[in-house]
C-alpha atoms as a PDB file:
ATOM      1  CA  MET A   1      91.438 121.990 124.121  1.00  0.00           C
ATOM      2  CA  HIS A   2      93.693 125.104 124.747  1.00  0.00           C
ATOM      3  CA  ASP A   3      95.320 123.228 127.696  1.00  0.00           C
ATOM      4  CA  ARG A   4      96.308 120.484 125.407  1.00  0.00           C
ATOM      5  CA  TYR A   5      97.761 122.644 122.734  1.00  0.00           C
ATOM      6  CA  ASP A   6      99.631 124.292 125.524  1.00  0.00           C
ATOM      7  CA  ASP A   7     100.953 120.971 126.715  1.00  0.00           C
ATOM      8  CA  MET A   8     101.716 119.879 123.048  1.00  0.00           C
ATOM      9  CA  TYR A   9     103.724 122.997 122.642  1.00  0.00           C
ATOM     10  CA  GLU A  10     105.638 122.623 125.912  1.00  0.00           C
ATOM     11  CA  ALA A  11     106.327 119.077 125.481  1.00  0.00           C
ATOM     12  CA  SER A  12     107.687 119.827 121.803  1.00  0.00           C
ATOM     13  CA  THR A  13     109.798 122.574 122.951  1.00  0.00           C
ATOM     14  CA  ARG A  14     111.399 120.614 125.719  1.00  0.00           C
ATOM     15  CA  TYR A  15     111.860 117.590 123.623  1.00  0.00           C
ATOM     16  CA  TYR A  16     113.068 118.923 120.298  1.00  0.00           C
ATOM     17  CA  VAL A  17     114.642 122.227 121.436  1.00  0.00           C
ATOM     18  CA  GLN A  18     115.893 121.598 124.824  1.00  0.00           C
ATOM     19  CA  ASP A  19     116.575 117.944 124.340  1.00  0.00           C
ATOM     20  CA  GLU A  20     114.807 116.773 127.344  1.00  0.00           C
ATOM     21  CA  THR A  21     113.813 113.049 127.902  1.00  0.00           C
ATOM     22  CA  MET A  22     110.279 111.963 127.707  1.00  0.00           C
ATOM     23  CA  GLU A  23     110.433 110.801 131.450  1.00  0.00           C
ATOM     24  CA  SER A  24     111.705 114.515 132.481  1.00  0.00           C
ATOM     25  CA  ILE A  25     108.816 115.878 130.417  1.00  0.00           C
ATOM     26  CA  ALA A  26     106.313 113.649 131.972  1.00  0.00           C
ATOM     27  CA  ARG A  27     107.302 114.479 135.493  1.00  0.00           C
ATOM     28  CA  HIS A  28     107.075 118.130 134.678  1.00  0.00           C
ATOM     29  CA  LEU A  29     103.544 117.994 133.036  1.00  0.00           C
ATOM     30  CA  GLN A  30     102.448 115.465 135.668  1.00  0.00           C
ATOM     31  CA  LEU A  31     101.595 113.054 132.772  1.00  0.00           C
ATOM     32  CA  SER A  32     102.433 109.394 131.856  1.00  0.00           C
ATOM     33  CA  ARG A  33     105.209 108.752 129.402  1.00  0.00           C
ATOM     34  CA  SER A  34     102.781 107.462 127.020  1.00  0.00           C
ATOM     35  CA  SER A  35     100.753 110.596 127.160  1.00  0.00           C
ATOM     36  CA  VAL A  36     103.847 112.580 126.350  1.00  0.00           C
ATOM     37  CA  SER A  37     104.737 110.446 123.234  1.00  0.00           C
ATOM     38  CA  ARG A  38     100.984 111.111 122.117  1.00  0.00           C
ATOM     39  CA  LEU A  39     101.402 114.852 122.553  1.00  0.00           C
ATOM     40  CA  LEU A  40     104.655 114.702 120.585  1.00  0.00           C
ATOM     41  CA  ALA A  41     102.794 112.678 117.753  1.00  0.00           C
ATOM     42  CA  ASP A  42      99.874 115.114 117.780  1.00  0.00           C
ATOM     43  CA  ALA A  43     102.271 118.025 117.423  1.00  0.00           C
ATOM     44  CA  ARG A  44     103.954 116.518 114.452  1.00  0.00           C
ATOM     45  CA  ALA A  45     100.479 115.467 112.820  1.00  0.00           C
ATOM     46  CA  SER A  46      98.921 119.063 113.343  1.00  0.00           C
ATOM     47  CA  GLY A  47     101.982 120.859 111.873  1.00  0.00           C
ATOM     48  CA  MET A  48     102.939 122.521 115.099  1.00  0.00           C
ATOM     49  CA  VAL A  49     106.442 120.489 114.747  1.00  0.00           C
ATOM     50  CA  ARG A  50     108.144 120.034 111.311  1.00  0.00           C
ATOM     51  CA  ILE A  51     111.307 117.981 110.970  1.00  0.00           C
ATOM     52  CA  THR A  52     113.704 118.385 108.195  1.00  0.00           C
ATOM     53  CA  VAL A  53     116.544 115.950 107.421  1.00  0.00           C
ATOM     54  CA  GLU A  54     119.364 117.561 105.324  1.00  0.00           C
ATOM     55  CA  ALA A  55     121.597 115.135 103.241  1.00  0.00           C
ATOM     56  CA  PRO A  56     125.275 115.354 104.038  1.00  0.00           C
ATOM     57  CA  GLU A  57     126.178 116.707 100.573  1.00  0.00           C
ATOM     58  CA  GLY A  58     122.754 117.150  99.074  1.00  0.00           C
ATOM     59  CA  SER A  59     121.915 120.690  97.725  1.00  0.00           C
ATOM     60  CA  SER A  60     125.399 121.984  98.682  1.00  0.00           C
ATOM     61  CA  SER A  61     127.202 119.357  96.339  1.00  0.00           C
ATOM     62  CA  PRO A  62     129.402 120.494  93.516  1.00  0.00           C
ATOM     63  CA  VAL A  63     127.138 118.933  90.912  1.00  0.00           C
ATOM     64  CA  ALA A  64     123.927 120.479  92.350  1.00  0.00           C
ATOM     65  CA  ARG A  65     125.741 123.860  92.501  1.00  0.00           C
ATOM     66  CA  SER A  66     126.677 123.440  89.003  1.00  0.00           C
ATOM     67  CA  LEU A  67     123.279 122.724  87.703  1.00  0.00           C
ATOM     68  CA  SER A  68     121.820 125.518  89.911  1.00  0.00           C
ATOM     69  CA  MET A  69     124.277 127.984  87.981  1.00  0.00           C
ATOM     70  CA  ILE A  70     123.767 126.668  84.689  1.00  0.00           C
ATOM     71  CA  PHE A  71     119.859 126.694  84.659  1.00  0.00           C
ATOM     72  CA  GLY A  72     119.186 129.303  87.304  1.00  0.00           C
ATOM     73  CA  VAL A  73     117.069 127.212  89.448  1.00  0.00           C
ATOM     74  CA  HIS A  74     117.209 125.975  93.035  1.00  0.00           C
ATOM     75  CA  VAL A  75     118.496 122.156  92.891  1.00  0.00           C
ATOM     76  CA  HIS A  76     117.594 119.934  95.960  1.00  0.00           C
ATOM     77  CA  VAL A  77     119.546 116.763  95.791  1.00  0.00           C
ATOM     78  CA  VAL A  78     119.327 113.804  98.164  1.00  0.00           C
ATOM     79  CA  THR A  79     122.183 111.177  98.377  1.00  0.00           C
ATOM     80  CA  VAL A  80     121.028 107.747  97.398  1.00  0.00           C
ATOM     81  CA  GLY A  81     124.092 105.967  95.540  1.00  0.00           C
ATOM     82  CA  GLU A  82     124.278 104.411  92.164  1.00  0.00           C
ATOM     83  CA  THR A  83     123.723 100.969  93.324  1.00  0.00           C
ATOM     84  CA  ALA A  84     120.264 101.733  95.179  1.00  0.00           C
ATOM     85  CA  PRO A  85     117.232 100.115  93.867  1.00  0.00           C
ATOM     86  CA  ILE A  86     114.752 102.363  92.063  1.00  0.00           C
ATOM     87  CA  THR A  87     112.244 102.142  94.709  1.00  0.00           C
ATOM     88  CA  SER A  88     114.512 103.468  97.270  1.00  0.00           C
ATOM     89  CA  ARG A  89     115.544 106.254  94.746  1.00  0.00           C
ATOM     90  CA  PHE A  90     111.876 107.298  94.346  1.00  0.00           C
ATOM     91  CA  GLU A  91     110.980 106.977  98.164  1.00  0.00           C
ATOM     92  CA  ARG A  92     114.094 109.356  99.148  1.00  0.00           C
ATOM     93  CA  VAL A  93     113.478 111.841  96.303  1.00  0.00           C
ATOM     94  CA  SER A  94     109.733 111.770  97.279  1.00  0.00           C
ATOM     95  CA  LYS A  95     110.380 112.419 100.966  1.00  0.00           C
ATOM     96  CA  LEU A  96     112.559 115.522  99.968  1.00  0.00           C
ATOM     97  CA  ALA A  97     109.872 116.715  97.580  1.00  0.00           C
ATOM     98  CA  ALA A  98     107.077 116.548 100.147  1.00  0.00           C
ATOM     99  CA  ALA A  99     109.091 118.289 102.746  1.00  0.00           C
ATOM    100  CA  LEU A 100     109.984 120.993 100.324  1.00  0.00           C
ATOM    101  CA  LEU A 101     106.387 121.421  99.099  1.00  0.00           C
ATOM    102  CA  ARG A 102     105.310 121.621 102.851  1.00  0.00           C
ATOM    103  CA  ASP A 103     107.551 124.522 103.458  1.00  0.00           C
ATOM    104  CA  CYS A 104     106.616 126.397 100.321  1.00  0.00           C
ATOM    105  CA  VAL A 105     102.707 126.626 100.886  1.00  0.00           C
ATOM    106  CA  HIS A 106     100.993 129.287 102.873  1.00  0.00           C
ATOM    107  CA  ASP A 107      97.394 130.257 103.738  1.00  0.00           C
ATOM    108  CA  GLY A 108      95.369 131.342 100.762  1.00  0.00           C
ATOM    109  CA  ASN A 109      97.556 129.537  98.303  1.00  0.00           C
ATOM    110  CA  LEU A 110      96.441 128.034  95.064  1.00  0.00           C
ATOM    111  CA  ILE A 111      98.510 124.935  94.770  1.00  0.00           C
ATOM    112  CA  GLY A 112      98.888 123.123  91.443  1.00  0.00           C
ATOM    113  CA  ALA A 113      99.249 119.340  91.410  1.00  0.00           C
ATOM    114  CA  ALA A 114      99.961 117.234  88.263  1.00  0.00           C
ATOM    115  CA  TRP A 115      99.060 113.550  88.259  1.00  0.00           C
ATOM    116  CA  GLY A 116     101.512 110.969  87.328  1.00  0.00           C
ATOM    117  CA  VAL A 117     103.894 108.145  88.761  1.00  0.00           C
ATOM    118  CA  THR A 118     106.391 110.597  90.303  1.00  0.00           C
ATOM    119  CA  VAL A 119     103.625 112.763  92.165  1.00  0.00           C
ATOM    120  CA  SER A 120     101.960 109.525  93.120  1.00  0.00           C
ATOM    121  CA  ASN A 121     105.137 108.593  95.150  1.00  0.00           C
ATOM    122  CA  VAL A 122     105.282 111.965  96.855  1.00  0.00           C
ATOM    123  CA  VAL A 123     101.729 111.672  98.199  1.00  0.00           C
ATOM    124  CA  PRO A 124     102.405 109.134 101.098  1.00  0.00           C
ATOM    125  CA  PHE A 125     105.098 111.463 102.433  1.00  0.00           C
ATOM    126  CA  LEU A 126     102.941 114.454 102.832  1.00  0.00           C
ATOM    127  CA  GLU A 127     102.761 115.640 106.435  1.00  0.00           C
ATOM    128  CA  ARG A 128      99.821 117.542 107.562  1.00  0.00           C
ATOM    129  CA  ARG A 129     100.012 121.446 107.512  1.00  0.00           C
ATOM    130  CA  PRO A 130      96.598 122.719 107.803  1.00  0.00           C
ATOM    131  CA  LEU A 131      96.183 125.974 105.872  1.00  0.00           C
ATOM    132  CA  HIS A 132      93.452 128.601 105.891  1.00  0.00           C
ATOM    133  CA  ASP A 133      91.685 129.186 102.498  1.00  0.00           C
ATOM    134  CA  ALA A 134      93.912 126.981 100.316  1.00  0.00           C
ATOM    135  CA  THR A 135      93.039 125.458  97.149  1.00  0.00           C
ATOM    136  CA  ILE A 136      94.242 122.283  95.264  1.00  0.00           C
ATOM    137  CA  VAL A 137      94.141 122.759  91.411  1.00  0.00           C
ATOM    138  CA  GLN A 138      94.423 119.872  89.087  1.00  0.00           C
ATOM    139  CA  MET A 139      96.828 121.092  86.350  1.00  0.00           C
ATOM    140  CA  ASN A 140      96.168 118.636  83.537  1.00  0.00           C
ATOM    141  CA  GLY A 141      93.431 116.534  82.327  1.00  0.00           C
ATOM    142  CA  GLY A 142      93.354 112.779  83.056  1.00  0.00           C
ATOM    143  CA  THR A 143      90.885 110.932  81.039  1.00  0.00           C
ATOM    144  CA  ASN A 144      91.194 108.688  77.991  1.00  0.00           C
ATOM    145  CA  ILE A 145      89.197 106.155  76.130  1.00  0.00           C
ATOM    146  CA  ARG A 146      90.572 103.007  77.800  1.00  0.00           C
ATOM    147  CA  ASP A 147      90.793 104.193  81.498  1.00  0.00           C
ATOM    148  CA  SER A 148      89.541 107.350  82.825  1.00  0.00           C
ATOM    149  CA  SER A 149      92.268 107.256  85.517  1.00  0.00           C
ATOM    150  CA  ALA A 150      89.796 108.907  87.874  1.00  0.00           C
ATOM    151  CA  ARG A 151      90.881 106.945  90.801  1.00  0.00           C
ATOM    152  CA  HIS A 152      94.547 107.735  90.371  1.00  0.00           C
ATOM    153  CA  VAL A 153      93.958 111.461  89.827  1.00  0.00           C
ATOM    154  CA  SER A 154      91.419 111.661  92.475  1.00  0.00           C
ATOM    155  CA  GLY A 155      93.695 109.917  95.010  1.00  0.00           C
ATOM    156  CA  ILE A 156      96.461 112.643  94.551  1.00  0.00           C
ATOM    157  CA  LEU A 157      94.063 115.350  94.822  1.00  0.00           C
ATOM    158  CA  GLN A 158      92.487 113.894  98.028  1.00  0.00           C
ATOM    159  CA  ALA A 159      95.748 113.427  99.497  1.00  0.00           C
ATOM    160  CA  PHE A 160      97.100 116.876  98.870  1.00  0.00           C
ATOM    161  CA  SER A 161      93.795 118.135 100.128  1.00  0.00           C
ATOM    162  CA  ALA A 162      93.838 116.349 103.437  1.00  0.00           C
ATOM    163  CA  ALA A 163      97.531 117.380 104.114  1.00  0.00           C
ATOM    164  CA  PHE A 164      96.708 121.094 103.740  1.00  0.00           C
ATOM    165  CA  ASP A 165      93.000 121.256 104.613  1.00  0.00           C
ATOM    166  CA  ALA A 166      92.374 122.556 101.223  1.00  0.00           C
ATOM    167  CA  ARG A 167      89.388 122.463  98.828  1.00  0.00           C
ATOM    168  CA  ILE A 168      89.976 120.703  95.503  1.00  0.00           C
ATOM    169  CA  VAL A 169      89.285 122.145  91.914  1.00  0.00           C
ATOM    170  CA  GLN A 170      89.141 119.278  89.616  1.00  0.00           C
ATOM    171  CA  PHE A 171      89.825 119.303  85.782  1.00  0.00           C
ATOM    172  CA  PRO A 172      87.684 116.604  84.359  1.00  0.00           C
ATOM    173  CA  VAL A 173      88.833 116.748  80.657  1.00  0.00           C
ATOM    174  CA  PRO A 174      90.956 114.438  78.477  1.00  0.00           C
ATOM    175  CA  ALA A 175      94.684 114.276  78.831  1.00  0.00           C
ATOM    176  CA  PHE A 176      94.913 114.600  75.133  1.00  0.00           C
ATOM    177  CA  PHE A 177      91.765 115.623  72.949  1.00  0.00           C
ATOM    178  CA  ASP A 178      91.102 113.763  69.824  1.00  0.00           C
ATOM    179  CA  TYR A 179      91.016 117.020  67.875  1.00  0.00           C
ATOM    180  CA  ALA A 180      92.515 120.169  68.524  1.00  0.00           C
ATOM    181  CA  GLU A 181      89.215 121.784  67.415  1.00  0.00           C
ATOM    182  CA  THR A 182      87.424 120.041  70.271  1.00  0.00           C
ATOM    183  CA  LYS A 183      89.917 121.308  72.731  1.00  0.00           C
ATOM    184  CA  GLN A 184      89.377 124.888  71.532  1.00  0.00           C
ATOM    185  CA  ALA A 185      85.566 124.517  71.884  1.00  0.00           C
ATOM    186  CA  MET A 186      85.993 123.099  75.361  1.00  0.00           C
ATOM    187  CA  TRP A 187      88.304 126.036  76.374  1.00  0.00           C
ATOM    188  CA  ARG A 188      85.335 128.376  75.686  1.00  0.00           C
ATOM    189  CA  GLU A 189      83.071 126.582  78.106  1.00  0.00           C
ATOM    190  CA  ARG A 190      82.477 128.567  81.291  1.00  0.00           C
ATOM    191  CA  SER A 191      82.913 125.687  83.608  1.00  0.00           C
ATOM    192  CA  VAL A 192      86.341 124.895  81.966  1.00  0.00           C
ATOM    193  CA  GLN A 193      87.251 128.636  81.958  1.00  0.00           C
ATOM    194  CA  LEU A 194      86.815 128.641  85.687  1.00  0.00           C
ATOM    195  CA  VAL A 195      89.378 126.038  86.058  1.00  0.00           C
ATOM    196  CA  LEU A 196      91.716 127.695  83.707  1.00  0.00           C
ATOM    197  CA  ASN A 197      91.421 130.794  85.717  1.00  0.00           C
ATOM    198  CA  TYR A 198      92.457 129.041  88.924  1.00  0.00           C
ATOM    199  CA  GLN A 199      95.405 127.511  86.995  1.00  0.00           C
ATOM    200  CA  SER A 200      96.477 130.885  85.654  1.00  0.00           C
ATOM    201  CA  ARG A 201      96.652 132.222  89.461  1.00  0.00           C
ATOM    202  CA  LEU A 202      98.747 129.379  90.914  1.00  0.00           C
ATOM    203  CA  ASP A 203     101.167 130.078  93.590  1.00  0.00           C
ATOM    204  CA  VAL A 204     102.936 126.730  93.872  1.00  0.00           C
ATOM    205  CA  ALA A 205     103.090 123.770  91.474  1.00  0.00           C
ATOM    206  CA  VAL A 206     104.523 120.293  91.821  1.00  0.00           C
ATOM    207  CA  PHE A 207     104.966 117.747  88.960  1.00  0.00           C
ATOM    208  CA  GLY A 208     107.083 115.016  87.681  1.00  0.00           C
ATOM    209  CA  ILE A 209     108.903 114.866  84.443  1.00  0.00           C
ATOM    210  CA  GLY A 210     107.621 112.215  82.195  1.00  0.00           C
ATOM    211  CA  SER A 211     109.894 110.270  79.781  1.00  0.00           C
ATOM    212  CA  LEU A 212     109.480 108.051  76.857  1.00  0.00           C
ATOM    213  CA  HIS A 213     112.535 105.704  77.990  1.00  0.00           C
ATOM    214  CA  ALA A 214     112.277 105.628  81.805  1.00  0.00           C
ATOM    215  CA  ARG A 215     113.068 102.551  83.645  1.00  0.00           C
ATOM    216  CA  VAL A 216     109.615 103.247  85.539  1.00  0.00           C
ATOM    217  CA  PRO A 217     107.409 103.804  82.688  1.00  0.00           C
ATOM    218  CA  SER A 218     105.575 107.069  82.670  1.00  0.00           C
ATOM    219  CA  HIS A 219     101.796 107.028  82.977  1.00  0.00           C
ATOM    220  CA  VAL A 220     101.279 109.154  79.942  1.00  0.00           C
ATOM    221  CA  TYR A 221     102.811 106.610  77.424  1.00  0.00           C
ATOM    222  CA  THR A 222     101.681 103.430  78.921  1.00  0.00           C
ATOM    223  CA  ALA A 223      97.937 103.826  80.116  1.00  0.00           C
ATOM    224  CA  GLY A 224      96.091 104.539  76.899  1.00  0.00           C
ATOM    225  CA  PHE A 225      96.354 108.236  76.722  1.00  0.00           C
ATOM    226  CA  LEU A 226      97.906 108.077  73.431  1.00  0.00           C
ATOM    227  CA  ASP A 227      97.297 105.360  70.596  1.00  0.00           C
ATOM    228  CA  GLN A 228      99.755 103.724  68.242  1.00  0.00           C
ATOM    229  CA  ARG A 229      99.586 106.433  65.701  1.00  0.00           C
ATOM    230  CA  ASP A 230     100.400 109.062  68.247  1.00  0.00           C
ATOM    231  CA  LEU A 231     103.413 107.185  69.684  1.00  0.00           C
ATOM    232  CA  LYS A 232     104.804 106.713  66.206  1.00  0.00           C
ATOM    233  CA  GLN A 233     104.290 110.662  65.808  1.00  0.00           C
ATOM    234  CA  LEU A 234     106.417 110.999  69.115  1.00  0.00           C
ATOM    235  CA  ARG A 235     109.253 109.174  67.619  1.00  0.00           C
ATOM    236  CA  THR A 236     109.042 111.259  64.372  1.00  0.00           C
ATOM    237  CA  GLU A 237     108.930 114.434  66.200  1.00  0.00           C
ATOM    238  CA  ASN A 238     111.954 113.396  68.470  1.00  0.00           C
ATOM    239  CA  ILE A 239     109.956 113.804  71.523  1.00  0.00           C
ATOM    240  CA  VAL A 240     111.918 112.794  74.630  1.00  0.00           C
ATOM    241  CA  GLY A 241     109.400 113.425  77.501  1.00  0.00           C
ATOM    242  CA  ASP A 242     106.704 115.832  78.917  1.00  0.00           C
ATOM    243  CA  VAL A 243     105.677 118.175  81.814  1.00  0.00           C
ATOM    244  CA  CYS A 244     102.096 118.026  82.635  1.00  0.00           C
ATOM    245  CA  THR A 245     101.355 116.127  79.445  1.00  0.00           C
ATOM    246  CA  VAL A 246     102.781 118.954  77.201  1.00  0.00           C
ATOM    247  CA  LEU A 247     105.401 117.173  75.132  1.00  0.00           C
ATOM    248  CA  LEU A 248     109.084 118.305  74.771  1.00  0.00           C
ATOM    249  CA  ARG A 249     112.091 117.818  72.426  1.00  0.00           C
ATOM    250  CA  ALA A 250     115.635 117.393  73.753  1.00  0.00           C
ATOM    251  CA  ASP A 251     116.152 121.221  73.168  1.00  0.00           C
ATOM    252  CA  GLY A 252     113.167 122.353  75.106  1.00  0.00           C
ATOM    253  CA  THR A 253     111.023 123.212  72.243  1.00  0.00           C
ATOM    254  CA  TYR A 254     107.303 122.382  72.202  1.00  0.00           C
ATOM    255  CA  GLU A 255     105.183 125.061  70.323  1.00  0.00           C
ATOM    256  CA  ASP A 256     105.253 123.358  67.011  1.00  0.00           C
ATOM    257  CA  ILE A 257     104.494 119.884  68.192  1.00  0.00           C
ATOM    258  CA  GLU A 258     100.952 118.869  66.682  1.00  0.00           C
ATOM    259  CA  LEU A 259     100.006 116.881  69.754  1.00  0.00           C
ATOM    260  CA  ASN A 260     100.450 119.693  72.122  1.00  0.00           C
ATOM    261  CA  GLN A 261      97.517 121.584  70.333  1.00  0.00           C
ATOM    262  CA  ARG A 262      95.376 118.531  71.834  1.00  0.00           C
ATOM    263  CA  ALA A 263      97.075 118.392  75.216  1.00  0.00           C
ATOM    264  CA  SER A 264      95.199 119.775  78.230  1.00  0.00           C
ATOM    265  CA  GLY A 265      98.202 120.580  80.586  1.00  0.00           C
ATOM    266  CA  LEU A 266      99.807 123.785  81.149  1.00  0.00           C
ATOM    267  CA  THR A 267     102.357 124.771  78.677  1.00  0.00           C
ATOM    268  CA  PRO A 268     106.141 125.736  79.764  1.00  0.00           C
ATOM    269  CA  ALA A 269     104.954 129.399  78.962  1.00  0.00           C
ATOM    270  CA  GLU A 270     101.900 129.049  81.371  1.00  0.00           C
ATOM    271  CA  LEU A 271     103.936 127.364  84.024  1.00  0.00           C
ATOM    272  CA  GLN A 272     106.417 130.354  83.906  1.00  0.00           C
ATOM    273  CA  ARG A 273     103.580 132.565  85.489  1.00  0.00           C
ATOM    274  CA  ILE A 274     103.712 130.336  88.776  1.00  0.00           C
ATOM    275  CA  PRO A 275     106.168 131.909  91.331  1.00  0.00           C
ATOM    276  CA  ARG A 276     107.369 128.514  92.690  1.00  0.00           C
ATOM    277  CA  ARG A 277     107.421 125.507  90.477  1.00  0.00           C
ATOM    278  CA  ILE A 278     108.862 122.126  91.948  1.00  0.00           C
ATOM    279  CA  GLY A 279     110.029 119.377  89.386  1.00  0.00           C
ATOM    280  CA  VAL A 280     110.594 115.916  90.846  1.00  0.00           C
ATOM    281  CA  VAL A 281     112.463 113.120  89.425  1.00  0.00           C
ATOM    282  CA  GLY A 282     113.939 110.159  90.990  1.00  0.00           C
ATOM    283  CA  ASP A 283     115.332 108.126  88.031  1.00  0.00           C
ATOM    284  CA  PRO A 284     118.434 108.649  86.177  1.00  0.00           C
ATOM    285  CA  SER A 285     117.099 107.251  83.000  1.00  0.00           C
ATOM    286  CA  ARG A 286     114.786 110.422  82.893  1.00  0.00           C
ATOM    287  CA  ALA A 287     117.818 112.698  82.624  1.00  0.00           C
ATOM    288  CA  THR A 288     117.212 113.731  78.845  1.00  0.00           C
ATOM    289  CA  ALA A 289     113.579 114.685  79.635  1.00  0.00           C
ATOM    290  CA  VAL A 290     114.616 116.604  82.745  1.00  0.00           C
ATOM    291  CA  LEU A 291     117.327 118.547  80.479  1.00  0.00           C
ATOM    292  CA  ALA A 292     114.480 119.340  78.075  1.00  0.00           C
ATOM    293  CA  ALA A 293     112.346 120.435  81.008  1.00  0.00           C
ATOM    294  CA  LEU A 294     115.071 122.868  82.219  1.00  0.00           C
ATOM    295  CA  ARG A 295     115.753 123.970  78.816  1.00  0.00           C
ATOM    296  CA  ALA A 296     111.997 124.898  78.607  1.00  0.00           C
ATOM    297  CA  LYS A 297     112.250 126.745  82.016  1.00  0.00           C
ATOM    298  CA  THR A 298     109.464 124.789  83.446  1.00  0.00           C
ATOM    299  CA  MET A 299     110.705 124.805  87.041  1.00  0.00           C
ATOM    300  CA  THR A 300     112.157 127.124  89.683  1.00  0.00           C
ATOM    301  CA  ASP A 301     113.158 124.097  91.791  1.00  0.00           C
ATOM    302  CA  LEU A 302     114.612 120.621  90.725  1.00  0.00           C
ATOM    303  CA  VAL A 303     114.364 117.735  93.414  1.00  0.00           C
ATOM    304  CA  CYS A 304     116.277 114.715  92.344  1.00  0.00           C
ATOM    305  CA  ASP A 305     118.578 112.088  93.626  1.00  0.00           C
ATOM    306  CA  ASP A 306     122.492 112.354  93.246  1.00  0.00           C
ATOM    307  CA  THR A 307     122.839 109.872  90.398  1.00  0.00           C
ATOM    308  CA  THR A 308     120.130 111.678  88.425  1.00  0.00           C
ATOM    309  CA  ALA A 309     121.807 114.872  88.975  1.00  0.00           C
ATOM    310  CA  ARG A 310     125.222 113.395  87.879  1.00  0.00           C
ATOM    311  CA  ALA A 311     123.537 112.041  84.814  1.00  0.00           C
ATOM    312  CA  LEU A 312     121.932 115.391  83.962  1.00  0.00           C
ATOM    313  CA  LEU A 313     125.207 117.278  84.328  1.00  0.00           C
ATOM    314  CA  ASP A 314     127.032 114.638  82.013  1.00  0.00           C
ATOM    315  CA  LEU A 315     124.493 115.347  79.386  1.00  0.00           C
ATOM    316  CA  VAL A 316     125.183 118.989  79.742  1.00  0.00           C
ATOM    317  CA  ASP A 317     128.745 118.626  79.478  1.00  0.00           C
ATOM    318  CA  GLY A 318     128.629 116.139  76.520  1.00  0.00           C
ATOM    319  CA  SER A 319     126.278 118.452  74.415  1.00  0.00           C
ATOM    320  CA  GLY A 320     128.538 121.417  74.275  1.00  0.00           C
ATOM    321  CA  PRO A 321     128.186 124.758  76.076  1.00  0.00           C
ATOM    322  CA  VAL A 322     124.891 125.564  77.616  1.00  0.00           C
ATOM    323  CA  ARG A 323     123.667 129.106  78.016  1.00  0.00           C
ATOM    324  CA  ARG A 324     122.779 129.834  81.555  1.00  0.00           C
ATOM    325  CA  GLN A 325     119.132 130.376  82.116  1.00  0.00           C
ATOM    326  CA  ARG A 326     116.912 132.185  84.647  1.00  0.00           C
ATOM    327  CA  GLY A 327     114.060 130.088  86.009  1.00  0.00           C
END
């Protein structure tokens, strides 16, 4: 086994650093070319080799720098173009988010994962990075009366666990309780308090930004988590979106929204305790919700595409001066 790891390391160094051909490496290691190819593939799968592709403009573009200065966050932008189909936009952004997350996590970390359309798109691009003593923590409940969404949530958690060799802490409670009093009673249960304790000590978190008006519908508003009366209340209270199922107005306020007393996700104030918070969005139609999430200081890192970044900056410019914030 040690000999194979030595061969993986030498093959990777010669191929990726010294720019040798597979034929040359095969001769040096006295192996076939196909064996060298398998060594390189195994080196990537094991985490020995990590490949990062930086967009030409990307995070150093004027738009990204402006957003970073305004909101005090790291802005990671992938160039897609205005005419790209939404599927390509989600794919490019998800790849960038997966690579960023992979570089952020370390041994012993508590890693928070929220469920949703965006995070489920990130999952296929997670590359293996085996960690020691890491834990994946579900950040918001995912059951409702129409569909428990257990398969959706479980699939996300399992994928994170497989990528990082991490144990899983699930949070088997509703996304929204029927009554605030029920949530308060559940929060006193020892089993729930155990999960809440994990959530309060997260090192890294990744989540999407839900929107009431997204081109790709947010799971929170289309999968039975809220009934018609609740959806009407969202419009009455001028809700534009959510982070971790905690609802936000355009100005980033959330504390006095009645539905949030029934929501099971981490509030922006609770998120702010997490050192690294990665918000992911690949849809320009979510710009209003993203602006609300930034104003609520939910993230330290924003991962998005260039069109969404420009739409976000246009909103800022069109709404008057915005005070610079710290993440």
